[in-house]
Amino acid sequence: MVTRGKPDPEIYLIAASLLRTAPEHCLAFEDAPKGVAAARAAGVFTVAIETAYTAGQDTSAANAHLQSLADFDLSLLDEVKRGTHGKR
């Protein structure tokens, strides 16, 4: 379904369309700069997760940063619902 890979936002725009919701009401977890760039370009609230493979890469464009998915907090979902895209 996707013709252009990340960092193109196509994959996120298609996913939001299939979910019948606006991209700004979606949440993406990404571990690499190209994924962060794709999600942000689509207008998706983006959480960067550090992994052993991508540690040290620049994911500063993400809205939030976590060391692990275990650190996920439901308050991030509230930010998505409100359309709050501020840095954490």
PDB file of N, CA and C in Angstrom:
ATOM      1  N   MET A   1       0.807  -1.205   0.000  1.00  0.00           N
ATOM      2  CA  MET A   1       0.000   0.000   0.000  1.00  0.00           C
ATOM      3  C   MET A   1       0.849   1.267   0.000  1.00  0.00           C
ATOM      4  N   VAL A   2       2.087   1.141   0.434  1.00  0.00           N
ATOM      5  CA  VAL A   2       2.974   2.293   0.532  1.00  0.00           C
ATOM      6  C   VAL A   2       3.941   2.279  -0.648  1.00  0.00           C
ATOM      7  N   THR A   3       4.049   3.421  -1.313  1.00  0.00           N
ATOM      8  CA  THR A   3       4.967   3.497  -2.455  1.00  0.00           C
ATOM      9  C   THR A   3       6.248   4.242  -2.113  1.00  0.00           C
ATOM     10  N   ARG A   4       6.227   5.018  -1.045  1.00  0.00           N
ATOM     11  CA  ARG A   4       7.406   5.779  -0.629  1.00  0.00           C
ATOM     12  C   ARG A   4       7.739   5.413   0.822  1.00  0.00           C
ATOM     13  N   GLY A   5       8.994   5.103   1.069  1.00  0.00           N
ATOM     14  CA  GLY A   5       9.426   4.733   2.416  1.00  0.00           C
ATOM     15  C   GLY A   5       9.729   5.941   3.283  1.00  0.00           C
ATOM     16  N   LYS A   6       9.955   5.666   4.547  1.00  0.00           N
ATOM     17  CA  LYS A   6      10.333   6.712   5.493  1.00  0.00           C
ATOM     18  C   LYS A   6      11.655   7.318   5.032  1.00  0.00           C
ATOM     19  N   PRO A   7      11.835   8.589   5.133  1.00  0.00           N
ATOM     20  CA  PRO A   7      11.144   9.563   5.957  1.00  0.00           C
ATOM     21  C   PRO A   7       9.899  10.201   5.338  1.00  0.00           C
ATOM     22  N   ASP A   8       9.447   9.702   4.195  1.00  0.00           N
ATOM     23  CA  ASP A   8       8.205  10.214   3.621  1.00  0.00           C
ATOM     24  C   ASP A   8       7.057   9.875   4.576  1.00  0.00           C
ATOM     25  N   PRO A   9       6.118  10.782   4.781  1.00  0.00           N
ATOM     26  CA  PRO A   9       5.023  10.553   5.729  1.00  0.00           C
ATOM     27  C   PRO A   9       3.899   9.658   5.214  1.00  0.00           C
ATOM     28  N   GLU A  10       4.031   9.150   3.996  1.00  0.00           N
ATOM     29  CA  GLU A  10       2.938   8.397   3.376  1.00  0.00           C
ATOM     30  C   GLU A  10       2.371   7.295   4.273  1.00  0.00           C
ATOM     31  N   ILE A  11       3.221   6.513   4.907  1.00  0.00           N
ATOM     32  CA  ILE A  11       2.743   5.392   5.711  1.00  0.00           C
ATOM     33  C   ILE A  11       1.831   5.857   6.843  1.00  0.00           C
ATOM     34  N   TYR A  12       2.154   6.987   7.447  1.00  0.00           N
ATOM     35  CA  TYR A  12       1.330   7.505   8.543  1.00  0.00           C
ATOM     36  C   TYR A  12       0.037   8.125   8.030  1.00  0.00           C
ATOM     37  N   LEU A  13       0.107   8.778   6.900  1.00  0.00           N
ATOM     38  CA  LEU A  13      -1.098   9.370   6.319  1.00  0.00           C
ATOM     39  C   LEU A  13      -2.088   8.286   5.886  1.00  0.00           C
ATOM     40  N   ILE A  14      -1.580   7.212   5.311  1.00  0.00           N
ATOM     41  CA  ILE A  14      -2.450   6.097   4.926  1.00  0.00           C
ATOM     42  C   ILE A  14      -3.058   5.445   6.171  1.00  0.00           C
ATOM     43  N   ALA A  15      -2.237   5.209   7.184  1.00  0.00           N
ATOM     44  CA  ALA A  15      -2.742   4.581   8.407  1.00  0.00           C
ATOM     45  C   ALA A  15      -3.843   5.425   9.050  1.00  0.00           C
ATOM     46  N   ALA A  16      -3.635   6.726   9.143  1.00  0.00           N
ATOM     47  CA  ALA A  16      -4.656   7.600   9.723  1.00  0.00           C
ATOM     48  C   ALA A  16      -5.933   7.558   8.891  1.00  0.00           C
ATOM     49  N   SER A  17      -5.783   7.553   7.588  1.00  0.00           N
ATOM     50  CA  SER A  17      -6.938   7.492   6.701  1.00  0.00           C
ATOM     51  C   SER A  17      -7.712   6.194   6.909  1.00  0.00           C
ATOM     52  N   LEU A  18      -6.996   5.087   7.010  1.00  0.00           N
ATOM     53  CA  LEU A  18      -7.649   3.795   7.232  1.00  0.00           C
ATOM     54  C   LEU A  18      -8.348   3.739   8.588  1.00  0.00           C
ATOM     55  N   LEU A  19      -7.795   4.460   9.562  1.00  0.00           N
ATOM     56  CA  LEU A  19      -8.417   4.542  10.888  1.00  0.00           C
ATOM     57  C   LEU A  19      -9.546   5.574  10.950  1.00  0.00           C
ATOM     58  N   ARG A  20      -9.673   6.310   9.846  1.00  0.00           N
ATOM     59  CA  ARG A  20     -10.687   7.370   9.739  1.00  0.00           C
ATOM     60  C   ARG A  20     -10.544   8.405  10.868  1.00  0.00           C
ATOM     61  N   THR A  21      -9.302   8.826  11.033  1.00  0.00           N
ATOM     62  CA  THR A  21      -9.014   9.854  12.024  1.00  0.00           C
ATOM     63  C   THR A  21      -7.936  10.776  11.472  1.00  0.00           C
ATOM     64  N   ALA A  22      -7.838  11.932  12.040  1.00  0.00           N
ATOM     65  CA  ALA A  22      -6.818  12.894  11.633  1.00  0.00           C
ATOM     66  C   ALA A  22      -5.462  12.461  12.192  1.00  0.00           C
ATOM     67  N   PRO A  23      -4.390  12.673  11.444  1.00  0.00           N
ATOM     68  CA  PRO A  23      -3.063  12.290  11.935  1.00  0.00           C
ATOM     69  C   PRO A  23      -2.726  12.896  13.300  1.00  0.00           C
ATOM     70  N   GLU A  24      -3.217  14.093  13.563  1.00  0.00           N
ATOM     71  CA  GLU A  24      -2.892  14.723  14.848  1.00  0.00           C
ATOM     72  C   GLU A  24      -3.565  14.034  16.029  1.00  0.00           C
ATOM     73  N   HIS A  25      -4.441  13.073  15.764  1.00  0.00           N
ATOM     74  CA  HIS A  25      -5.069  12.293  16.828  1.00  0.00           C
ATOM     75  C   HIS A  25      -4.450  10.893  16.925  1.00  0.00           C
ATOM     76  N   CYS A  26      -3.303  10.730  16.295  1.00  0.00           N
ATOM     77  CA  CYS A  26      -2.596   9.449  16.308  1.00  0.00           C
ATOM     78  C   CYS A  26      -1.326   9.559  17.147  1.00  0.00           C
ATOM     79  N   LEU A  27      -0.791   8.414  17.506  1.00  0.00           N
ATOM     80  CA  LEU A  27       0.422   8.335  18.298  1.00  0.00           C
ATOM     81  C   LEU A  27       1.368   7.345  17.624  1.00  0.00           C
ATOM     82  N   ALA A  28       2.599   7.758  17.402  1.00  0.00           N
ATOM     83  CA  ALA A  28       3.597   6.882  16.781  1.00  0.00           C
ATOM     84  C   ALA A  28       4.755   6.668  17.744  1.00  0.00           C
ATOM     85  N   PHE A  29       5.217   5.436  17.778  1.00  0.00           N
ATOM     86  CA  PHE A  29       6.435   5.096  18.509  1.00  0.00           C
ATOM     87  C   PHE A  29       7.494   4.788  17.459  1.00  0.00           C
ATOM     88  N   GLU A  30       8.600   5.490  17.525  1.00  0.00           N
ATOM     89  CA  GLU A  30       9.671   5.318  16.553  1.00  0.00           C
ATOM     90  C   GLU A  30      11.006   5.230  17.276  1.00  0.00           C
ATOM     91  N   ASP A  31      11.938   4.519  16.644  1.00  0.00           N
ATOM     92  CA  ASP A  31      13.256   4.374  17.264  1.00  0.00           C
ATOM     93  C   ASP A  31      14.387   4.903  16.396  1.00  0.00           C
ATOM     94  N   ALA A  32      14.069   5.471  15.244  1.00  0.00           N
ATOM     95  CA  ALA A  32      15.115   5.944  14.336  1.00  0.00           C
ATOM     96  C   ALA A  32      14.737   7.301  13.741  1.00  0.00           C
ATOM     97  N   PRO A  33      15.737   8.079  13.370  1.00  0.00           N
ATOM     98  CA  PRO A  33      15.476   9.416  12.827  1.00  0.00           C
ATOM     99  C   PRO A  33      14.526   9.448  11.639  1.00  0.00           C
ATOM    100  N   LYS A  34      14.646   8.510  10.695  1.00  0.00           N
ATOM    101  CA  LYS A  34      13.760   8.515   9.531  1.00  0.00           C
ATOM    102  C   LYS A  34      12.305   8.275   9.932  1.00  0.00           C
ATOM    103  N   GLY A  35      12.088   7.414  10.890  1.00  0.00           N
ATOM    104  CA  GLY A  35      10.736   7.164  11.376  1.00  0.00           C
ATOM    105  C   GLY A  35      10.157   8.372  12.087  1.00  0.00           C
ATOM    106  N   VAL A  36      10.977   9.011  12.912  1.00  0.00           N
ATOM    107  CA  VAL A  36      10.541  10.232  13.599  1.00  0.00           C
ATOM    108  C   VAL A  36      10.189  11.293  12.567  1.00  0.00           C
ATOM    109  N   ALA A  37      11.026  11.463  11.572  1.00  0.00           N
ATOM    110  CA  ALA A  37      10.772  12.468  10.539  1.00  0.00           C
ATOM    111  C   ALA A  37       9.477  12.178   9.789  1.00  0.00           C
ATOM    112  N   ALA A  38       9.224  10.920   9.474  1.00  0.00           N
ATOM    113  CA  ALA A  38       8.005  10.546   8.746  1.00  0.00           C
ATOM    114  C   ALA A  38       6.760  10.847   9.569  1.00  0.00           C
ATOM    115  N   ALA A  39       6.775  10.438  10.821  1.00  0.00           N
ATOM    116  CA  ALA A  39       5.616  10.652  11.682  1.00  0.00           C
ATOM    117  C   ALA A  39       5.362  12.143  11.904  1.00  0.00           C
ATOM    118  N   ARG A  40       6.413  12.885  12.180  1.00  0.00           N
ATOM    119  CA  ARG A  40       6.257  14.330  12.417  1.00  0.00           C
ATOM    120  C   ARG A  40       5.768  15.041  11.163  1.00  0.00           C
ATOM    121  N   ALA A  41       6.275  14.651   9.990  1.00  0.00           N
ATOM    122  CA  ALA A  41       5.847  15.280   8.736  1.00  0.00           C
ATOM    123  C   ALA A  41       4.369  15.018   8.474  1.00  0.00           C
ATOM    124  N   ALA A  42       3.854  13.906   8.983  1.00  0.00           N
ATOM    125  CA  ALA A  42       2.434  13.584   8.833  1.00  0.00           C
ATOM    126  C   ALA A  42       1.576  14.311   9.862  1.00  0.00           C
ATOM    127  N   GLY A  43       2.201  14.923  10.859  1.00  0.00           N
ATOM    128  CA  GLY A  43       1.452  15.605  11.909  1.00  0.00           C
ATOM    129  C   GLY A  43       1.066  14.697  13.060  1.00  0.00           C
ATOM    130  N   VAL A  44       1.744  13.553  13.179  1.00  0.00           N
ATOM    131  CA  VAL A  44       1.460  12.578  14.219  1.00  0.00           C
ATOM    132  C   VAL A  44       2.303  12.874  15.457  1.00  0.00           C
ATOM    133  N   PHE A  45       1.693  12.767  16.635  1.00  0.00           N
ATOM    134  CA  PHE A  45       2.436  12.912  17.884  1.00  0.00           C
ATOM    135  C   PHE A  45       3.414  11.751  17.952  1.00  0.00           C
ATOM    136  N   THR A  46       4.688  12.062  18.100  1.00  0.00           N
ATOM    137  CA  THR A  46       5.730  11.052  17.957  1.00  0.00           C
ATOM    138  C   THR A  46       6.531  10.880  19.240  1.00  0.00           C
ATOM    139  N   VAL A  47       6.651   9.631  19.653  1.00  0.00           N
ATOM    140  CA  VAL A  47       7.433   9.273  20.826  1.00  0.00           C
ATOM    141  C   VAL A  47       8.652   8.490  20.351  1.00  0.00           C
ATOM    142  N   ALA A  48       9.826   9.006  20.644  1.00  0.00           N
ATOM    143  CA  ALA A  48      11.062   8.305  20.300  1.00  0.00           C
ATOM    144  C   ALA A  48      11.421   7.354  21.431  1.00  0.00           C
ATOM    145  N   ILE A  49      11.707   6.119  21.051  1.00  0.00           N
ATOM    146  CA  ILE A  49      12.138   5.099  22.005  1.00  0.00           C
ATOM    147  C   ILE A  49      13.587   4.759  21.691  1.00  0.00           C
ATOM    148  N   GLU A  50      14.431   4.839  22.697  1.00  0.00           N
ATOM    149  CA  GLU A  50      15.833   4.517  22.477  1.00  0.00           C
ATOM    150  C   GLU A  50      16.009   3.004  22.485  1.00  0.00           C
ATOM    151  N   THR A  51      16.711   2.504  21.496  1.00  0.00           N
ATOM    152  CA  THR A  51      17.022   1.072  21.443  1.00  0.00           C
ATOM    153  C   THR A  51      18.532   0.902  21.335  1.00  0.00           C
ATOM    154  N   ALA A  52      18.983  -0.312  21.540  1.00  0.00           N
ATOM    155  CA  ALA A  52      20.417  -0.595  21.428  1.00  0.00           C
ATOM    156  C   ALA A  52      20.921  -0.300  20.020  1.00  0.00           C
ATOM    157  N   TYR A  53      20.063  -0.472  19.042  1.00  0.00           N
ATOM    158  CA  TYR A  53      20.472  -0.271  17.646  1.00  0.00           C
ATOM    159  C   TYR A  53      20.494   1.201  17.238  1.00  0.00           C
ATOM    160  N   THR A  54      19.663   2.016  17.874  1.00  0.00           N
ATOM    161  CA  THR A  54      19.556   3.411  17.443  1.00  0.00           C
ATOM    162  C   THR A  54      20.027   4.407  18.501  1.00  0.00           C
ATOM    163  N   ALA A  55      20.563   3.925  19.592  1.00  0.00           N
ATOM    164  CA  ALA A  55      21.050   4.815  20.651  1.00  0.00           C
ATOM    165  C   ALA A  55      22.064   5.788  20.070  1.00  0.00           C
ATOM    166  N   GLY A  56      21.931   7.036  20.443  1.00  0.00           N
ATOM    167  CA  GLY A  56      22.854   8.056  19.990  1.00  0.00           C
ATOM    168  C   GLY A  56      22.467   8.720  18.683  1.00  0.00           C
ATOM    169  N   GLN A  57      21.450   8.184  17.996  1.00  0.00           N
ATOM    170  CA  GLN A  57      20.989   8.827  16.766  1.00  0.00           C
ATOM    171  C   GLN A  57      20.081  10.006  17.126  1.00  0.00           C
ATOM    172  N   ASP A  58      20.001  10.970  16.242  1.00  0.00           N
ATOM    173  CA  ASP A  58      19.241  12.196  16.514  1.00  0.00           C
ATOM    174  C   ASP A  58      17.739  11.985  16.296  1.00  0.00           C
ATOM    175  N   THR A  59      17.026  11.858  17.386  1.00  0.00           N
ATOM    176  CA  THR A  59      15.564  11.773  17.345  1.00  0.00           C
ATOM    177  C   THR A  59      14.947  12.984  18.041  1.00  0.00           C
ATOM    178  N   SER A  60      15.679  14.074  18.051  1.00  0.00           N
ATOM    179  CA  SER A  60      15.249  15.270  18.783  1.00  0.00           C
ATOM    180  C   SER A  60      13.963  15.883  18.242  1.00  0.00           C
ATOM    181  N   ALA A  61      13.574  15.555  17.025  1.00  0.00           N
ATOM    182  CA  ALA A  61      12.337  16.108  16.460  1.00  0.00           C
ATOM    183  C   ALA A  61      11.083  15.466  17.044  1.00  0.00           C
ATOM    184  N   ALA A  62      11.234  14.376  17.787  1.00  0.00           N
ATOM    185  CA  ALA A  62      10.076  13.714  18.400  1.00  0.00           C
ATOM    186  C   ALA A  62       9.448  14.625  19.453  1.00  0.00           C
ATOM    187  N   ASN A  63       8.152  14.422  19.677  1.00  0.00           N
ATOM    188  CA  ASN A  63       7.450  15.201  20.696  1.00  0.00           C
ATOM    189  C   ASN A  63       7.836  14.788  22.105  1.00  0.00           C
ATOM    190  N   ALA A  64       8.136  13.509  22.273  1.00  0.00           N
ATOM    191  CA  ALA A  64       8.498  12.984  23.589  1.00  0.00           C
ATOM    192  C   ALA A  64       9.561  11.908  23.392  1.00  0.00           C
ATOM    193  N   HIS A  65      10.311  11.645  24.448  1.00  0.00           N
ATOM    194  CA  HIS A  65      11.392  10.657  24.392  1.00  0.00           C
ATOM    195  C   HIS A  65      11.277   9.735  25.602  1.00  0.00           C
ATOM    196  N   LEU A  66      11.395   8.437  25.350  1.00  0.00           N
ATOM    197  CA  LEU A  66      11.366   7.448  26.417  1.00  0.00           C
ATOM    198  C   LEU A  66      12.572   6.532  26.268  1.00  0.00           C
ATOM    199  N   GLN A  67      13.061   6.061  27.386  1.00  0.00           N
ATOM    200  CA  GLN A  67      14.166   5.103  27.357  1.00  0.00           C
ATOM    201  C   GLN A  67      13.665   3.710  27.002  1.00  0.00           C
ATOM    202  N   SER A  68      12.387   3.458  27.283  1.00  0.00           N
ATOM    203  CA  SER A  68      11.816   2.135  27.075  1.00  0.00           C
ATOM    204  C   SER A  68      10.298   2.267  26.959  1.00  0.00           C
ATOM    205  N   LEU A  69       9.656   1.328  26.284  1.00  0.00           N
ATOM    206  CA  LEU A  69       8.189   1.325  26.245  1.00  0.00           C
ATOM    207  C   LEU A  69       7.608   1.143  27.644  1.00  0.00           C
ATOM    208  N   ALA A  70       8.383   0.555  28.541  1.00  0.00           N
ATOM    209  CA  ALA A  70       7.933   0.391  29.925  1.00  0.00           C
ATOM    210  C   ALA A  70       7.725   1.739  30.602  1.00  0.00           C
ATOM    211  N   ASP A  71       8.334   2.792  30.075  1.00  0.00           N
ATOM    212  CA  ASP A  71       8.191   4.132  30.632  1.00  0.00           C
ATOM    213  C   ASP A  71       6.957   4.861  30.104  1.00  0.00           C
ATOM    214  N   PHE A  72       6.208   4.222  29.221  1.00  0.00           N
ATOM    215  CA  PHE A  72       5.023   4.848  28.630  1.00  0.00           C
ATOM    216  C   PHE A  72       4.037   5.248  29.717  1.00  0.00           C
ATOM    217  N   ASP A  73       3.472   6.422  29.559  1.00  0.00           N
ATOM    218  CA  ASP A  73       2.532   6.981  30.516  1.00  0.00           C
ATOM    219  C   ASP A  73       1.268   7.387  29.761  1.00  0.00           C
ATOM    220  N   LEU A  74       0.115   7.067  30.299  1.00  0.00           N
ATOM    221  CA  LEU A  74      -1.142   7.389  29.623  1.00  0.00           C
ATOM    222  C   LEU A  74      -1.348   8.885  29.414  1.00  0.00           C
ATOM    223  N   SER A  75      -0.604   9.724  30.114  1.00  0.00           N
ATOM    224  CA  SER A  75      -0.734  11.164  29.907  1.00  0.00           C
ATOM    225  C   SER A  75      -0.353  11.537  28.474  1.00  0.00           C
ATOM    226  N   LEU A  76       0.473  10.736  27.831  1.00  0.00           N
ATOM    227  CA  LEU A  76       0.795  11.000  26.425  1.00  0.00           C
ATOM    228  C   LEU A  76      -0.457  10.917  25.562  1.00  0.00           C
ATOM    229  N   LEU A  77      -1.348   9.988  25.876  1.00  0.00           N
ATOM    230  CA  LEU A  77      -2.593   9.879  25.123  1.00  0.00           C
ATOM    231  C   LEU A  77      -3.456  11.119  25.317  1.00  0.00           C
ATOM    232  N   ASP A  78      -3.443  11.686  26.513  1.00  0.00           N
ATOM    233  CA  ASP A  78      -4.185  12.924  26.758  1.00  0.00           C
ATOM    234  C   ASP A  78      -3.641  14.046  25.884  1.00  0.00           C
ATOM    235  N   GLU A  79      -2.320  14.113  25.736  1.00  0.00           N
ATOM    236  CA  GLU A  79      -1.712  15.133  24.888  1.00  0.00           C
ATOM    237  C   GLU A  79      -2.138  14.954  23.438  1.00  0.00           C
ATOM    238  N   VAL A  80      -2.222  13.713  22.985  1.00  0.00           N
ATOM    239  CA  VAL A  80      -2.647  13.438  21.628  1.00  0.00           C
ATOM    240  C   VAL A  80      -4.100  13.876  21.434  1.00  0.00           C
ATOM    241  N   LYS A  81      -4.958  13.521  22.379  1.00  0.00           N
ATOM    242  CA  LYS A  81      -6.372  13.899  22.288  1.00  0.00           C
ATOM    243  C   LYS A  81      -6.550  15.404  22.233  1.00  0.00           C
ATOM    244  N   ARG A  82      -5.742  16.112  23.008  1.00  0.00           N
ATOM    245  CA  ARG A  82      -5.845  17.579  23.041  1.00  0.00           C
ATOM    246  C   ARG A  82      -5.134  18.222  21.847  1.00  0.00           C
ATOM    247  N   GLY A  83      -4.378  17.447  21.121  1.00  0.00           N
ATOM    248  CA  GLY A  83      -3.595  18.006  20.024  1.00  0.00           C
ATOM    249  C   GLY A  83      -2.398  18.781  20.529  1.00  0.00           C
ATOM    250  N   THR A  84      -1.976  18.502  21.767  1.00  0.00           N
ATOM    251  CA  THR A  84      -0.832  19.171  22.352  1.00  0.00           C
ATOM    252  C   THR A  84       0.427  18.509  21.828  1.00  0.00           C
ATOM    253  N   HIS A  85       1.194  19.249  21.071  1.00  0.00           N
ATOM    254  CA  HIS A  85       2.402  18.676  20.494  1.00  0.00           C
ATOM    255  C   HIS A  85       3.646  19.332  21.065  1.00  0.00           C
ATOM    256  N   GLY A  86       3.597  19.661  22.332  1.00  0.00           N
ATOM    257  CA  GLY A  86       4.764  20.262  22.969  1.00  0.00           C
ATOM    258  C   GLY A  86       5.816  19.241  23.308  1.00  0.00           C
ATOM    259  N   LYS A  87       7.038  19.681  23.410  1.00  0.00           N
ATOM    260  CA  LYS A  87       8.144  18.789  23.780  1.00  0.00           C
ATOM    261  C   LYS A  87       8.000  18.408  25.243  1.00  0.00           C
ATOM    262  N   ARG A  88       8.448  17.234  25.576  1.00  0.00           N
ATOM    263  CA  ARG A  88       8.534  16.794  26.971  1.00  0.00           C
ATOM    264  C   ARG A  88       9.978  16.759  27.356  1.00  0.00           C
TER     265      ARG A  88
END
